[in-house]
N, C-alpha and C. Protein backbone atom coordinates (compact mmCIF):
# COMPACT_ATOMS: atom_id res chain seq x y z
N MET A 1 -5.85 16.97 -7.44
CA MET A 1 -4.69 16.06 -7.47
C MET A 1 -3.38 16.80 -7.80
N TYR A 2 -3.50 18.08 -8.15
CA TYR A 2 -2.31 18.83 -8.58
C TYR A 2 -1.23 18.91 -7.50
N TRP A 3 -1.65 18.82 -6.20
CA TRP A 3 -0.66 18.95 -5.12
C TRP A 3 0.32 17.77 -5.06
N TYR A 4 0.01 16.69 -5.77
CA TYR A 4 0.95 15.54 -5.84
C TYR A 4 1.94 15.68 -7.00
N GLU A 5 1.78 16.72 -7.80
CA GLU A 5 2.52 16.80 -9.07
C GLU A 5 4.03 16.67 -8.90
N GLU A 6 4.59 17.36 -7.91
CA GLU A 6 6.05 17.29 -7.72
C GLU A 6 6.51 15.87 -7.38
N ASP A 7 5.76 15.20 -6.52
CA ASP A 7 6.08 13.82 -6.16
C ASP A 7 6.02 12.91 -7.37
N ILE A 8 5.01 13.10 -8.19
CA ILE A 8 4.83 12.25 -9.37
C ILE A 8 5.97 12.49 -10.37
N LYS A 9 6.36 13.74 -10.52
CA LYS A 9 7.51 14.05 -11.41
C LYS A 9 8.77 13.36 -10.91
N GLN A 10 8.94 13.30 -9.58
CA GLN A 10 10.10 12.60 -9.00
C GLN A 10 10.06 11.11 -9.35
N LEU A 11 8.87 10.52 -9.25
CA LEU A 11 8.74 9.09 -9.58
C LEU A 11 9.02 8.85 -11.07
N GLU A 12 8.62 9.79 -11.89
CA GLU A 12 8.91 9.67 -13.34
C GLU A 12 10.41 9.74 -13.58
N LYS A 13 11.11 10.60 -12.82
CA LYS A 13 12.57 10.68 -12.95
C LYS A 13 13.24 9.38 -12.52
N VAL A 14 12.75 8.82 -11.42
CA VAL A 14 13.27 7.53 -10.94
C VAL A 14 13.13 6.48 -12.03
N SER A 15 12.00 6.49 -12.68
CA SER A 15 11.73 5.53 -13.75
C SER A 15 12.72 5.69 -14.90
N LEU A 16 13.02 6.93 -15.28
CA LEU A 16 13.94 7.20 -16.40
C LEU A 16 15.38 6.85 -16.06
N ASN A 17 15.75 7.04 -14.78
CA ASN A 17 17.16 6.90 -14.38
C ASN A 17 17.49 5.58 -13.70
N ARG A 18 16.59 4.64 -13.73
CA ARG A 18 16.84 3.41 -13.00
C ARG A 18 17.95 2.58 -13.65
N THR A 19 18.66 1.83 -12.81
CA THR A 19 19.82 1.07 -13.30
C THR A 19 19.53 -0.43 -13.36
N TYR A 20 18.31 -0.83 -13.01
CA TYR A 20 17.94 -2.24 -13.06
C TYR A 20 16.45 -2.34 -13.36
N GLU A 21 16.01 -3.51 -13.74
CA GLU A 21 14.59 -3.72 -14.02
C GLU A 21 13.91 -4.28 -12.77
N PRO A 22 13.12 -3.48 -12.07
CA PRO A 22 12.51 -3.96 -10.83
C PRO A 22 11.52 -5.10 -11.08
N GLU A 23 11.50 -6.05 -10.15
CA GLU A 23 10.55 -7.16 -10.25
C GLU A 23 9.34 -6.93 -9.35
N THR A 24 9.51 -6.09 -8.31
CA THR A 24 8.43 -5.85 -7.36
C THR A 24 8.25 -4.35 -7.16
N ILE A 25 7.07 -3.84 -7.49
CA ILE A 25 6.78 -2.43 -7.28
C ILE A 25 5.98 -2.29 -5.99
N PHE A 26 6.50 -1.47 -5.07
CA PHE A 26 5.76 -1.07 -3.88
C PHE A 26 5.18 0.31 -4.17
N TYR A 27 3.85 0.39 -4.10
CA TYR A 27 3.15 1.61 -4.54
C TYR A 27 2.17 2.03 -3.45
N GLY A 28 2.10 3.35 -3.19
CA GLY A 28 1.14 3.80 -2.20
C GLY A 28 1.57 5.05 -1.46
N SER A 29 1.13 5.16 -0.23
CA SER A 29 1.26 6.39 0.55
C SER A 29 2.59 6.43 1.32
N SER A 30 2.64 7.32 2.31
CA SER A 30 3.92 7.55 3.00
C SER A 30 4.43 6.33 3.77
N SER A 31 3.53 5.40 4.12
CA SER A 31 4.03 4.16 4.77
C SER A 31 4.97 3.42 3.82
N VAL A 32 4.75 3.57 2.52
CA VAL A 32 5.67 3.02 1.51
C VAL A 32 6.84 3.98 1.31
N ARG A 33 6.53 5.24 1.09
CA ARG A 33 7.57 6.23 0.75
C ARG A 33 8.66 6.32 1.82
N LEU A 34 8.27 6.21 3.09
CA LEU A 34 9.22 6.38 4.19
C LEU A 34 9.96 5.08 4.56
N TRP A 35 9.72 4.04 3.78
CA TRP A 35 10.35 2.74 4.07
C TRP A 35 11.79 2.75 3.54
N THR A 36 12.69 3.28 4.35
CA THR A 36 14.06 3.51 3.91
C THR A 36 14.85 2.22 3.71
N THR A 37 14.44 1.14 4.39
CA THR A 37 15.17 -0.13 4.28
C THR A 37 14.53 -1.08 3.27
N LEU A 38 13.59 -0.58 2.50
CA LEU A 38 12.81 -1.44 1.60
C LEU A 38 13.70 -2.27 0.65
N ASN A 39 14.69 -1.62 0.05
CA ASN A 39 15.53 -2.34 -0.92
C ASN A 39 16.30 -3.50 -0.27
N ASP A 40 16.75 -3.29 0.96
CA ASP A 40 17.44 -4.37 1.68
C ASP A 40 16.46 -5.42 2.17
N ASP A 41 15.31 -4.95 2.64
CA ASP A 41 14.32 -5.87 3.23
C ASP A 41 13.76 -6.87 2.21
N PHE A 42 13.75 -6.47 0.95
CA PHE A 42 13.18 -7.34 -0.09
C PHE A 42 14.17 -7.56 -1.24
N LYS A 43 15.46 -7.62 -0.87
CA LYS A 43 16.53 -7.71 -1.86
C LYS A 43 16.27 -8.77 -2.93
N ASP A 44 15.80 -9.95 -2.49
CA ASP A 44 15.58 -11.06 -3.43
C ASP A 44 14.47 -10.77 -4.43
N LEU A 45 13.62 -9.80 -4.11
CA LEU A 45 12.46 -9.51 -4.98
C LEU A 45 12.72 -8.33 -5.92
N LYS A 46 13.96 -7.81 -5.91
CA LYS A 46 14.34 -6.65 -6.74
C LYS A 46 13.26 -5.56 -6.69
N PRO A 47 13.10 -4.92 -5.53
CA PRO A 47 12.01 -3.97 -5.36
C PRO A 47 12.34 -2.57 -5.86
N ILE A 48 11.29 -1.77 -6.04
CA ILE A 48 11.43 -0.34 -6.25
C ILE A 48 10.35 0.35 -5.43
N ASN A 49 10.71 1.46 -4.81
CA ASN A 49 9.79 2.20 -3.94
C ASN A 49 9.10 3.30 -4.74
N MET A 50 7.79 3.13 -4.97
CA MET A 50 7.01 4.10 -5.73
C MET A 50 5.96 4.76 -4.84
N GLY A 51 6.30 4.93 -3.55
CA GLY A 51 5.39 5.61 -2.64
C GLY A 51 5.48 7.11 -2.84
N PHE A 52 4.38 7.81 -2.61
CA PHE A 52 4.43 9.28 -2.65
C PHE A 52 3.63 9.85 -1.49
N GLY A 53 4.21 10.89 -0.89
CA GLY A 53 3.76 11.39 0.40
C GLY A 53 2.30 11.81 0.46
N GLY A 54 1.62 11.33 1.51
CA GLY A 54 0.25 11.74 1.74
C GLY A 54 -0.75 11.21 0.73
N SER A 55 -0.30 10.29 -0.10
CA SER A 55 -1.18 9.88 -1.19
C SER A 55 -2.38 9.10 -0.68
N THR A 56 -3.45 9.23 -1.42
CA THR A 56 -4.69 8.51 -1.16
C THR A 56 -4.79 7.35 -2.15
N LEU A 57 -5.70 6.45 -1.90
CA LEU A 57 -5.96 5.40 -2.90
C LEU A 57 -6.51 6.05 -4.17
N ALA A 58 -7.30 7.09 -3.99
CA ALA A 58 -7.82 7.83 -5.15
C ALA A 58 -6.66 8.37 -6.01
N ALA A 59 -5.62 8.91 -5.37
CA ALA A 59 -4.46 9.45 -6.10
C ALA A 59 -3.68 8.32 -6.77
N CYS A 60 -3.59 7.18 -6.11
CA CYS A 60 -2.89 6.03 -6.70
C CYS A 60 -3.59 5.58 -8.00
N VAL A 61 -4.91 5.66 -7.99
CA VAL A 61 -5.67 5.32 -9.19
C VAL A 61 -5.43 6.39 -10.26
N TRP A 62 -5.53 7.64 -9.85
CA TRP A 62 -5.44 8.77 -10.77
C TRP A 62 -4.10 8.78 -11.53
N PHE A 63 -3.01 8.48 -10.83
CA PHE A 63 -1.68 8.58 -11.45
C PHE A 63 -1.14 7.23 -11.93
N PHE A 64 -1.93 6.19 -11.86
CA PHE A 64 -1.42 4.84 -12.09
C PHE A 64 -0.71 4.69 -13.45
N GLU A 65 -1.39 5.04 -14.53
CA GLU A 65 -0.76 4.85 -15.85
C GLU A 65 0.52 5.64 -15.99
N ARG A 66 0.48 6.86 -15.48
CA ARG A 66 1.64 7.74 -15.62
C ARG A 66 2.86 7.17 -14.90
N VAL A 67 2.65 6.66 -13.71
CA VAL A 67 3.75 6.17 -12.88
C VAL A 67 4.25 4.80 -13.36
N MET A 68 3.34 3.99 -13.86
CA MET A 68 3.69 2.61 -14.22
C MET A 68 4.12 2.42 -15.67
N MET A 69 4.10 3.51 -16.43
CA MET A 69 4.24 3.42 -17.88
C MET A 69 5.37 2.52 -18.36
N SER A 70 6.56 2.64 -17.74
CA SER A 70 7.72 1.95 -18.32
C SER A 70 8.10 0.66 -17.60
N TYR A 71 7.26 0.20 -16.68
CA TYR A 71 7.62 -0.97 -15.88
C TYR A 71 6.95 -2.25 -16.36
N GLN A 72 7.66 -3.36 -16.15
CA GLN A 72 7.10 -4.70 -16.42
C GLN A 72 7.41 -5.58 -15.22
N PRO A 73 6.78 -5.32 -14.08
CA PRO A 73 7.13 -6.05 -12.87
C PRO A 73 6.58 -7.47 -12.84
N LYS A 74 7.05 -8.24 -11.87
CA LYS A 74 6.51 -9.58 -11.64
C LYS A 74 5.43 -9.58 -10.58
N ARG A 75 5.37 -8.50 -9.79
CA ARG A 75 4.36 -8.38 -8.74
C ARG A 75 4.23 -6.93 -8.30
N LEU A 76 3.09 -6.65 -7.67
CA LEU A 76 2.77 -5.30 -7.21
C LEU A 76 2.30 -5.39 -5.76
N VAL A 77 2.88 -4.56 -4.88
CA VAL A 77 2.46 -4.50 -3.47
C VAL A 77 1.94 -3.08 -3.22
N ILE A 78 0.72 -3.00 -2.68
CA ILE A 78 0.08 -1.69 -2.53
C ILE A 78 -0.34 -1.44 -1.08
N TYR A 79 0.01 -0.26 -0.59
CA TYR A 79 -0.56 0.21 0.68
C TYR A 79 -1.10 1.63 0.46
N ALA A 80 -2.40 1.77 0.47
CA ALA A 80 -3.05 3.08 0.34
C ALA A 80 -4.49 2.96 0.80
N GLY A 81 -5.04 4.09 1.21
CA GLY A 81 -6.42 4.12 1.67
C GLY A 81 -6.54 4.76 3.04
N ASP A 82 -5.48 4.66 3.80
CA ASP A 82 -5.38 5.26 5.13
C ASP A 82 -5.77 6.75 5.08
N ASN A 83 -5.15 7.47 4.14
CA ASN A 83 -5.36 8.93 4.06
C ASN A 83 -6.73 9.29 3.51
N ASP A 84 -7.31 8.43 2.67
CA ASP A 84 -8.66 8.70 2.16
C ASP A 84 -9.63 8.81 3.35
N LEU A 85 -9.56 7.82 4.25
CA LEU A 85 -10.44 7.81 5.41
C LEU A 85 -10.08 8.96 6.35
N GLY A 86 -8.81 9.22 6.50
CA GLY A 86 -8.35 10.34 7.33
C GLY A 86 -8.85 11.68 6.81
N ASP A 87 -9.04 11.77 5.50
CA ASP A 87 -9.55 13.00 4.87
C ASP A 87 -11.08 13.09 4.91
N GLY A 88 -11.72 12.07 5.49
CA GLY A 88 -13.18 12.14 5.63
C GLY A 88 -13.98 11.33 4.61
N ARG A 89 -13.29 10.61 3.75
CA ARG A 89 -14.03 9.76 2.80
C ARG A 89 -14.63 8.56 3.53
N HIS A 90 -15.60 7.94 2.89
CA HIS A 90 -16.29 6.79 3.49
C HIS A 90 -15.67 5.48 3.00
N PRO A 91 -15.79 4.40 3.77
CA PRO A 91 -15.27 3.11 3.32
C PRO A 91 -15.80 2.68 1.96
N GLU A 92 -17.06 2.99 1.68
CA GLU A 92 -17.63 2.61 0.37
C GLU A 92 -16.92 3.32 -0.78
N GLU A 93 -16.54 4.59 -0.55
CA GLU A 93 -15.78 5.31 -1.58
C GLU A 93 -14.42 4.65 -1.79
N LEU A 94 -13.79 4.30 -0.68
CA LEU A 94 -12.48 3.63 -0.76
C LEU A 94 -12.59 2.32 -1.55
N PHE A 95 -13.67 1.61 -1.31
CA PHE A 95 -13.91 0.35 -2.01
C PHE A 95 -14.02 0.58 -3.52
N ILE A 96 -14.70 1.66 -3.92
CA ILE A 96 -14.84 1.98 -5.34
C ILE A 96 -13.47 2.29 -5.94
N PHE A 97 -12.65 3.05 -5.19
CA PHE A 97 -11.28 3.33 -5.67
C PHE A 97 -10.50 2.04 -5.84
N PHE A 98 -10.67 1.11 -4.90
CA PHE A 98 -9.97 -0.17 -5.01
C PHE A 98 -10.40 -0.92 -6.27
N GLN A 99 -11.69 -0.95 -6.55
CA GLN A 99 -12.18 -1.61 -7.76
C GLN A 99 -11.60 -0.96 -9.01
N GLN A 100 -11.50 0.37 -8.99
CA GLN A 100 -10.91 1.08 -10.14
C GLN A 100 -9.44 0.72 -10.30
N LEU A 101 -8.75 0.59 -9.19
CA LEU A 101 -7.33 0.21 -9.25
C LEU A 101 -7.17 -1.19 -9.83
N VAL A 102 -8.01 -2.12 -9.40
CA VAL A 102 -7.96 -3.49 -9.93
C VAL A 102 -8.13 -3.46 -11.44
N THR A 103 -9.05 -2.66 -11.92
CA THR A 103 -9.31 -2.55 -13.37
C THR A 103 -8.09 -1.98 -14.09
N LYS A 104 -7.48 -0.95 -13.51
CA LYS A 104 -6.30 -0.35 -14.15
C LYS A 104 -5.11 -1.32 -14.19
N VAL A 105 -4.92 -2.05 -13.09
CA VAL A 105 -3.82 -3.03 -13.04
C VAL A 105 -4.05 -4.11 -14.10
N GLN A 106 -5.27 -4.59 -14.19
CA GLN A 106 -5.61 -5.63 -15.17
C GLN A 106 -5.35 -5.13 -16.60
N HIS A 107 -5.76 -3.89 -16.85
CA HIS A 107 -5.60 -3.31 -18.18
C HIS A 107 -4.11 -3.14 -18.53
N ARG A 108 -3.32 -2.72 -17.56
CA ARG A 108 -1.89 -2.44 -17.81
C ARG A 108 -1.02 -3.69 -17.78
N PHE A 109 -1.30 -4.60 -16.83
CA PHE A 109 -0.39 -5.73 -16.57
C PHE A 109 -1.02 -7.10 -16.72
N GLY A 110 -2.31 -7.19 -17.01
CA GLY A 110 -2.95 -8.50 -17.06
C GLY A 110 -3.07 -9.10 -15.68
N ASP A 111 -2.90 -10.43 -15.58
CA ASP A 111 -3.10 -11.13 -14.30
C ASP A 111 -1.85 -11.11 -13.42
N LEU A 112 -1.28 -9.94 -13.25
CA LEU A 112 -0.08 -9.78 -12.42
C LEU A 112 -0.41 -10.12 -10.96
N PRO A 113 0.42 -10.89 -10.27
CA PRO A 113 0.20 -11.12 -8.84
C PRO A 113 0.25 -9.78 -8.08
N CYS A 114 -0.81 -9.50 -7.33
CA CYS A 114 -0.91 -8.23 -6.61
C CYS A 114 -1.24 -8.50 -5.15
N TYR A 115 -0.67 -7.67 -4.29
CA TYR A 115 -0.84 -7.82 -2.84
C TYR A 115 -1.33 -6.50 -2.27
N TYR A 116 -2.52 -6.52 -1.69
CA TYR A 116 -3.04 -5.31 -1.04
C TYR A 116 -2.81 -5.46 0.45
N VAL A 117 -2.00 -4.56 1.01
CA VAL A 117 -1.73 -4.57 2.44
C VAL A 117 -2.87 -3.83 3.13
N SER A 118 -3.52 -4.51 4.07
CA SER A 118 -4.68 -3.92 4.75
C SER A 118 -4.32 -2.60 5.42
N LEU A 119 -5.34 -1.80 5.66
CA LEU A 119 -5.14 -0.57 6.40
C LEU A 119 -4.66 -0.90 7.82
N LYS A 120 -3.73 -0.12 8.31
CA LYS A 120 -3.16 -0.38 9.64
C LYS A 120 -4.00 0.31 10.72
N PRO A 121 -3.92 -0.18 11.96
CA PRO A 121 -4.70 0.40 13.06
C PRO A 121 -3.97 1.56 13.72
N SER A 122 -3.95 2.71 13.08
CA SER A 122 -3.16 3.84 13.57
C SER A 122 -3.73 4.41 14.87
N LEU A 123 -2.82 4.69 15.79
CA LEU A 123 -3.20 5.33 17.05
C LEU A 123 -3.84 6.69 16.80
N SER A 124 -3.29 7.44 15.85
CA SER A 124 -3.76 8.81 15.62
C SER A 124 -5.14 8.85 14.94
N ARG A 125 -5.57 7.72 14.40
CA ARG A 125 -6.88 7.68 13.72
C ARG A 125 -7.84 6.72 14.42
N TRP A 126 -7.58 6.49 15.69
CA TRP A 126 -8.38 5.54 16.46
C TRP A 126 -9.84 5.95 16.55
N ASN A 127 -10.10 7.26 16.47
CA ASN A 127 -11.49 7.77 16.54
C ASN A 127 -12.33 7.32 15.35
N ILE A 128 -11.69 6.90 14.27
CA ILE A 128 -12.45 6.42 13.10
C ILE A 128 -12.08 4.96 12.77
N ILE A 129 -11.67 4.22 13.79
CA ILE A 129 -11.17 2.86 13.55
C ILE A 129 -12.24 1.94 12.95
N ASP A 130 -13.51 2.19 13.27
CA ASP A 130 -14.57 1.36 12.69
C ASP A 130 -14.62 1.49 11.17
N LYS A 131 -14.30 2.68 10.67
CA LYS A 131 -14.24 2.87 9.21
C LYS A 131 -13.10 2.06 8.60
N PHE A 132 -11.98 1.99 9.33
CA PHE A 132 -10.83 1.22 8.86
C PHE A 132 -11.18 -0.27 8.79
N LYS A 133 -11.82 -0.74 9.85
CA LYS A 133 -12.22 -2.17 9.89
C LYS A 133 -13.18 -2.50 8.76
N TYR A 134 -14.15 -1.61 8.55
CA TYR A 134 -15.17 -1.85 7.52
C TYR A 134 -14.54 -1.82 6.12
N ALA A 135 -13.67 -0.84 5.88
CA ALA A 135 -12.98 -0.75 4.58
C ALA A 135 -12.14 -2.01 4.34
N ASN A 136 -11.40 -2.45 5.34
CA ASN A 136 -10.60 -3.67 5.21
C ASN A 136 -11.49 -4.87 4.86
N ASN A 137 -12.63 -4.94 5.53
CA ASN A 137 -13.56 -6.04 5.30
C ASN A 137 -14.11 -6.03 3.88
N LEU A 138 -14.48 -4.86 3.40
CA LEU A 138 -15.00 -4.72 2.03
C LEU A 138 -13.97 -5.18 1.00
N ILE A 139 -12.74 -4.72 1.19
CA ILE A 139 -11.69 -5.03 0.21
C ILE A 139 -11.27 -6.50 0.28
N GLU A 140 -11.15 -7.03 1.49
CA GLU A 140 -10.79 -8.44 1.63
C GLU A 140 -11.86 -9.34 1.00
N THR A 141 -13.11 -9.02 1.24
CA THR A 141 -14.22 -9.81 0.67
C THR A 141 -14.17 -9.78 -0.85
N GLU A 142 -13.91 -8.61 -1.41
CA GLU A 142 -13.83 -8.46 -2.87
C GLU A 142 -12.69 -9.30 -3.44
N ILE A 143 -11.55 -9.27 -2.76
CA ILE A 143 -10.38 -10.03 -3.22
C ILE A 143 -10.68 -11.54 -3.18
N VAL A 144 -11.26 -11.99 -2.08
CA VAL A 144 -11.54 -13.42 -1.92
C VAL A 144 -12.56 -13.89 -2.97
N LYS A 145 -13.58 -13.08 -3.21
CA LYS A 145 -14.67 -13.50 -4.10
C LYS A 145 -14.34 -13.36 -5.59
N ASN A 146 -13.67 -12.24 -5.94
CA ASN A 146 -13.65 -11.86 -7.35
C ASN A 146 -12.30 -11.73 -8.03
N THR A 147 -11.21 -11.85 -7.32
CA THR A 147 -9.92 -11.63 -7.99
C THR A 147 -8.96 -12.77 -7.73
N ASN A 148 -8.58 -13.47 -8.78
CA ASN A 148 -7.68 -14.62 -8.64
C ASN A 148 -6.24 -14.21 -8.41
N ASN A 149 -5.86 -13.05 -8.94
CA ASN A 149 -4.44 -12.67 -8.89
C ASN A 149 -4.11 -11.71 -7.75
N TRP A 150 -5.11 -11.33 -6.95
CA TRP A 150 -4.89 -10.44 -5.81
C TRP A 150 -4.89 -11.24 -4.52
N GLN A 151 -4.05 -10.79 -3.57
CA GLN A 151 -4.07 -11.35 -2.21
C GLN A 151 -4.21 -10.21 -1.21
N PHE A 152 -4.94 -10.47 -0.14
CA PHE A 152 -5.12 -9.50 0.94
C PHE A 152 -4.15 -9.85 2.07
N ILE A 153 -3.28 -8.91 2.41
CA ILE A 153 -2.34 -9.13 3.50
C ILE A 153 -2.87 -8.40 4.73
N ASN A 154 -3.32 -9.16 5.71
CA ASN A 154 -3.95 -8.56 6.88
C ASN A 154 -2.89 -8.14 7.90
N ILE A 155 -2.39 -6.91 7.71
CA ILE A 155 -1.38 -6.39 8.62
C ILE A 155 -2.04 -5.89 9.91
N TYR A 156 -3.31 -5.54 9.82
CA TYR A 156 -4.05 -4.99 10.96
C TYR A 156 -3.96 -5.91 12.18
N LYS A 157 -4.29 -7.18 11.96
CA LYS A 157 -4.35 -8.12 13.10
C LYS A 157 -2.99 -8.36 13.71
N GLU A 158 -1.93 -8.13 12.93
CA GLU A 158 -0.57 -8.33 13.45
C GLU A 158 -0.10 -7.16 14.30
N MET A 159 -0.80 -6.02 14.20
CA MET A 159 -0.34 -4.80 14.85
C MET A 159 -1.12 -4.45 16.11
N VAL A 160 -2.06 -5.33 16.51
CA VAL A 160 -2.86 -5.05 17.71
C VAL A 160 -2.55 -6.09 18.80
N ASP A 161 -2.83 -5.70 20.03
CA ASP A 161 -2.62 -6.62 21.16
C ASP A 161 -3.85 -7.50 21.37
N ALA A 162 -3.84 -8.28 22.45
CA ALA A 162 -4.94 -9.22 22.72
C ALA A 162 -6.28 -8.52 22.90
N LYS A 163 -6.23 -7.25 23.30
CA LYS A 163 -7.48 -6.49 23.49
C LYS A 163 -7.89 -5.74 22.22
N GLY A 164 -7.11 -5.90 21.15
CA GLY A 164 -7.46 -5.24 19.89
C GLY A 164 -6.98 -3.81 19.77
N TYR A 165 -6.06 -3.41 20.67
CA TYR A 165 -5.54 -2.04 20.63
C TYR A 165 -4.17 -2.02 19.97
N PRO A 166 -3.86 -0.97 19.19
CA PRO A 166 -2.57 -0.93 18.49
C PRO A 166 -1.38 -0.99 19.44
N LYS A 167 -0.38 -1.77 19.04
CA LYS A 167 0.86 -1.84 19.83
C LYS A 167 1.71 -0.60 19.53
N LYS A 168 1.98 0.16 20.58
CA LYS A 168 2.65 1.47 20.40
C LYS A 168 4.04 1.33 19.78
N GLU A 169 4.70 0.20 20.03
CA GLU A 169 6.08 0.07 19.53
C GLU A 169 6.17 0.05 18.00
N TYR A 170 5.04 -0.15 17.35
CA TYR A 170 5.05 -0.19 15.87
C TYR A 170 4.91 1.19 15.24
N PHE A 171 4.79 2.23 16.07
CA PHE A 171 4.57 3.57 15.55
C PHE A 171 5.60 4.56 16.09
N VAL A 172 5.87 5.61 15.29
CA VAL A 172 6.69 6.71 15.79
C VAL A 172 5.78 7.64 16.60
N GLY A 173 6.31 8.75 17.06
CA GLY A 173 5.60 9.63 17.98
C GLY A 173 4.26 10.16 17.49
N ASP A 174 4.09 10.29 16.17
CA ASP A 174 2.82 10.85 15.67
C ASP A 174 1.67 9.84 15.71
N GLY A 175 1.98 8.58 16.04
CA GLY A 175 0.94 7.57 16.12
C GLY A 175 0.35 7.17 14.78
N LEU A 176 0.98 7.62 13.70
CA LEU A 176 0.47 7.35 12.35
C LEU A 176 1.50 6.58 11.51
N HIS A 177 2.73 7.07 11.53
CA HIS A 177 3.77 6.45 10.70
C HIS A 177 4.48 5.33 11.45
N LEU A 178 5.11 4.45 10.69
CA LEU A 178 5.70 3.24 11.29
C LEU A 178 7.08 3.51 11.89
N SER A 179 7.35 2.84 12.98
CA SER A 179 8.68 2.84 13.60
C SER A 179 9.53 1.76 12.92
N PRO A 180 10.83 1.70 13.21
CA PRO A 180 11.65 0.60 12.69
C PRO A 180 11.05 -0.77 13.04
N ALA A 181 10.51 -0.93 14.25
CA ALA A 181 9.88 -2.20 14.63
C ALA A 181 8.65 -2.48 13.77
N GLY A 182 7.91 -1.43 13.43
CA GLY A 182 6.76 -1.58 12.56
C GLY A 182 7.16 -2.07 11.18
N TYR A 183 8.23 -1.49 10.65
CA TYR A 183 8.70 -1.91 9.32
C TYR A 183 9.25 -3.34 9.35
N GLN A 184 9.87 -3.72 10.45
CA GLN A 184 10.35 -5.10 10.56
C GLN A 184 9.19 -6.08 10.52
N LEU A 185 8.12 -5.72 11.21
CA LEU A 185 6.91 -6.57 11.18
C LEU A 185 6.34 -6.65 9.76
N TRP A 186 6.23 -5.51 9.09
CA TRP A 186 5.70 -5.48 7.72
C TRP A 186 6.57 -6.33 6.79
N LYS A 187 7.89 -6.17 6.95
CA LYS A 187 8.83 -6.95 6.12
C LYS A 187 8.53 -8.44 6.26
N GLN A 188 8.41 -8.89 7.50
CA GLN A 188 8.21 -10.32 7.76
C GLN A 188 6.88 -10.81 7.19
N VAL A 189 5.79 -10.06 7.46
CA VAL A 189 4.46 -10.49 7.04
C VAL A 189 4.34 -10.47 5.51
N ILE A 190 4.83 -9.43 4.88
CA ILE A 190 4.72 -9.31 3.42
C ILE A 190 5.58 -10.39 2.74
N ASN A 191 6.81 -10.57 3.24
CA ASN A 191 7.67 -11.61 2.68
C ASN A 191 7.03 -13.00 2.79
N ASP A 192 6.43 -13.27 3.95
CA ASP A 192 5.77 -14.57 4.14
C ASP A 192 4.68 -14.79 3.11
N HIS A 193 3.88 -13.76 2.87
CA HIS A 193 2.78 -13.88 1.89
C HIS A 193 3.30 -14.10 0.47
N ILE A 194 4.30 -13.32 0.10
CA ILE A 194 4.81 -13.43 -1.27
C ILE A 194 5.51 -14.77 -1.51
N ASN A 195 6.17 -15.27 -0.49
CA ASN A 195 6.94 -16.50 -0.66
C ASN A 195 6.14 -17.77 -0.46
N ARG A 196 4.87 -17.63 -0.15
CA ARG A 196 4.04 -18.83 0.02
C ARG A 196 3.89 -19.59 -1.26
């Protein structure tokens, strides 16, 4: 986990130098970190971007206390897990990391409203898409059965066409990261869930 150290130090600096008390923490991998319009897109929710590049769900668990130490948010939005599977981990491992994260959130924040954004159907990881579907299914089932304060936001189904293939307009050239149209879609879907 040492390769994330510089990113984590940056997040700690952000925490020390902030000029407002964020109500919504967005936490996770580069899909969060690269969301340059996040503050405008969720202005009413007083957001803060706590994404760090290339992070895995395992890393989000590992650094959770350190990154969240000084915050008292009203809600938490998480996108992570994409890179775990991309690195060769199995959906079952990802599920265990998710359970660990739920425990850490409960310990730190109690019954805080939490939103887990499903893994997206990346073009560049289409060769392992069955792992993505299975991981999403495991996590959604866990949320529905066992967690009152968590919600599963199914972004996957919003990003595919009628044949179940990813819509190219939602991705930049690498087929992994989101395009402006992709972020607009995420903004709409996440806002709808939170405001329900």
